[in-house]
C-alpha cells in the first residue's frame, strides 16, 4: 500500500510540474497561468487515483501457499 501511494504521489507531482510548471516558473498573464495550474491539479489528482487503483490489485495476498508432498487435505 505504501508503494502504491508513494509511486502515485511521485507520478502526480511530475505531471503537475510538467503541466503547471511554466505557469509557476514564468510570469505569465493570469489568462494562461490560472488554467494551466487548474489543469495540472485536475490531471494530477486523476492520475494519482488511477495509479493507486491500478497498483493495489497487483499486491493482493493470495490464499494458503501450496505444500508439495502432502496428499491428505487435513495434513
C-alpha atoms as a PDB file:
ATOM      1  CA  UNK A   1       0.000   0.000   0.000  1.00  0.00           C
ATOM      2  CA  UNK A   2       2.877   2.322   0.745  1.00  0.00           C
ATOM      3  CA  UNK A   3       4.404   1.668  -2.675  1.00  0.00           C
ATOM      4  CA  UNK A   4       1.108   2.476  -4.368  1.00  0.00           C
ATOM      5  CA  UNK A   5       0.772   5.780  -2.520  1.00  0.00           C
ATOM      6  CA  UNK A   6       4.393   6.842  -2.981  1.00  0.00           C
ATOM      7  CA  UNK A   7       4.537   5.976  -6.663  1.00  0.00           C
ATOM      8  CA  UNK A   8       1.190   7.698  -7.244  1.00  0.00           C
ATOM      9  CA  UNK A   9       2.358  10.835  -5.419  1.00  0.00           C
ATOM     10  CA  UNK A  10       5.607  10.922  -7.399  1.00  0.00           C
ATOM     11  CA  UNK A  11       3.828  10.427 -10.713  1.00  0.00           C
ATOM     12  CA  UNK A  12       1.245  13.083  -9.896  1.00  0.00           C
ATOM     13  CA  UNK A  13       3.944  15.548  -8.833  1.00  0.00           C
ATOM     14  CA  UNK A  14       5.896  15.040 -12.055  1.00  0.00           C
ATOM     15  CA  UNK A  15       2.804  15.518 -14.202  1.00  0.00           C
ATOM     16  CA  UNK A  16       1.734  18.575 -12.214  1.00  0.00           C
ATOM     17  CA  UNK A  17       5.199  20.050 -12.658  1.00  0.00           C
ATOM     18  CA  UNK A  18       5.138  19.386 -16.378  1.00  0.00           C
ATOM     19  CA  UNK A  19       1.705  20.940 -16.896  1.00  0.00           C
ATOM     20  CA  UNK A  20       1.720  23.796 -14.382  1.00  0.00           C
ATOM     21  CA  UNK A  21       5.476  24.340 -14.239  1.00  0.00           C
ATOM     22  CA  UNK A  22       5.634  27.016 -16.907  1.00  0.00           C
ATOM     23  CA  UNK A  23       2.887  28.988 -15.164  1.00  0.00           C
ATOM     24  CA  UNK A  24       4.770  28.828 -11.879  1.00  0.00           C
ATOM     25  CA  UNK A  25       8.249  29.417 -13.297  1.00  0.00           C
ATOM     26  CA  UNK A  26       7.492  32.304 -15.635  1.00  0.00           C
ATOM     27  CA  UNK A  27       5.487  35.467 -15.208  1.00  0.00           C
ATOM     28  CA  UNK A  28       2.580  34.548 -17.455  1.00  0.00           C
ATOM     29  CA  UNK A  29      -0.643  36.524 -17.642  1.00  0.00           C
ATOM     30  CA  UNK A  30      -3.467  35.177 -15.467  1.00  0.00           C
ATOM     31  CA  UNK A  31      -5.366  34.164 -18.596  1.00  0.00           C
ATOM     32  CA  UNK A  32      -2.711  31.483 -19.149  1.00  0.00           C
ATOM     33  CA  UNK A  33      -1.373  30.720 -15.692  1.00  0.00           C
ATOM     34  CA  UNK A  34      -4.685  30.033 -13.918  1.00  0.00           C
ATOM     35  CA  UNK A  35      -5.936  27.447 -16.451  1.00  0.00           C
ATOM     36  CA  UNK A  36      -2.527  25.755 -16.517  1.00  0.00           C
ATOM     37  CA  UNK A  37      -2.436  25.388 -12.729  1.00  0.00           C
ATOM     38  CA  UNK A  38      -6.041  24.167 -12.613  1.00  0.00           C
ATOM     39  CA  UNK A  39      -5.413  21.674 -15.415  1.00  0.00           C
ATOM     40  CA  UNK A  40      -2.274  20.474 -13.649  1.00  0.00           C
ATOM     41  CA  UNK A  41      -4.178  19.935 -10.414  1.00  0.00           C
ATOM     42  CA  UNK A  42      -7.018  18.110 -12.146  1.00  0.00           C
ATOM     43  CA  UNK A  43      -4.753  15.841 -14.184  1.00  0.00           C
ATOM     44  CA  UNK A  44      -2.507  15.116 -11.192  1.00  0.00           C
ATOM     45  CA  UNK A  45      -5.483  14.224  -8.999  1.00  0.00           C
ATOM     46  CA  UNK A  46      -6.972  11.875 -11.560  1.00  0.00           C
ATOM     47  CA  UNK A  47      -3.593  10.307 -12.266  1.00  0.00           C
ATOM     48  CA  UNK A  48      -2.992   9.782  -8.534  1.00  0.00           C
ATOM     49  CA  UNK A  49      -6.259   7.896  -8.151  1.00  0.00           C
ATOM     50  CA  UNK A  50      -5.727   5.833 -11.297  1.00  0.00           C
ATOM     51  CA  UNK A  51      -2.197   4.883 -10.232  1.00  0.00           C
ATOM     52  CA  UNK A  52      -3.284   3.767  -6.743  1.00  0.00           C
ATOM     53  CA  UNK A  53      -6.189   1.743  -8.112  1.00  0.00           C
ATOM     54  CA  UNK A  54      -4.024   0.113 -10.769  1.00  0.00           C
ATOM     55  CA  UNK A  55      -1.156  -0.820  -8.422  1.00  0.00           C
ATOM     56  CA  UNK A  56      -3.101  -2.170  -5.434  1.00  0.00           C
ATOM     57  CA  UNK A  57      -4.640  -5.247  -7.130  1.00  0.00           C
ATOM     58  CA  UNK A  58      -1.164  -6.455  -8.120  1.00  0.00           C
ATOM     59  CA  UNK A  59      -0.181  -6.902  -4.485  1.00  0.00           C
ATOM     60  CA  UNK A  60      -3.207  -8.695  -3.099  1.00  0.00           C
ATOM     61  CA  UNK A  61      -2.433 -11.515  -0.742  1.00  0.00           C
ATOM     62  CA  UNK A  62      -3.218 -14.936  -2.047  1.00  0.00           C
ATOM     63  CA  UNK A  63      -4.544 -17.863  -0.056  1.00  0.00           C
ATOM     64  CA  UNK A  64      -2.500 -20.571   1.605  1.00  0.00           C
ATOM     65  CA  UNK A  65       0.556 -21.445  -0.462  1.00  0.00           C
ATOM     66  CA  UNK A  66       0.667 -24.907  -1.884  1.00  0.00           C
ATOM     67  CA  UNK A  67       2.597 -27.523   0.070  1.00  0.00           C
ATOM     68  CA  UNK A  68       4.036 -30.157  -2.242  1.00  0.00           C
ATOM     69  CA  UNK A  69       4.231 -33.680  -0.925  1.00  0.00           C
ATOM     70  CA  UNK A  70       1.089 -33.576   1.186  1.00  0.00           C
ATOM     71  CA  UNK A  71      -1.633 -35.828  -0.104  1.00  0.00           C
ATOM     72  CA  UNK A  72      -4.331 -35.569   2.538  1.00  0.00           C
ATOM     73  CA  UNK A  73      -6.336 -32.350   2.822  1.00  0.00           C
ATOM     74  CA  UNK A  74      -6.242 -32.380   6.653  1.00  0.00           C
ATOM     75  CA  UNK A  75      -2.482 -32.854   6.997  1.00  0.00           C
END
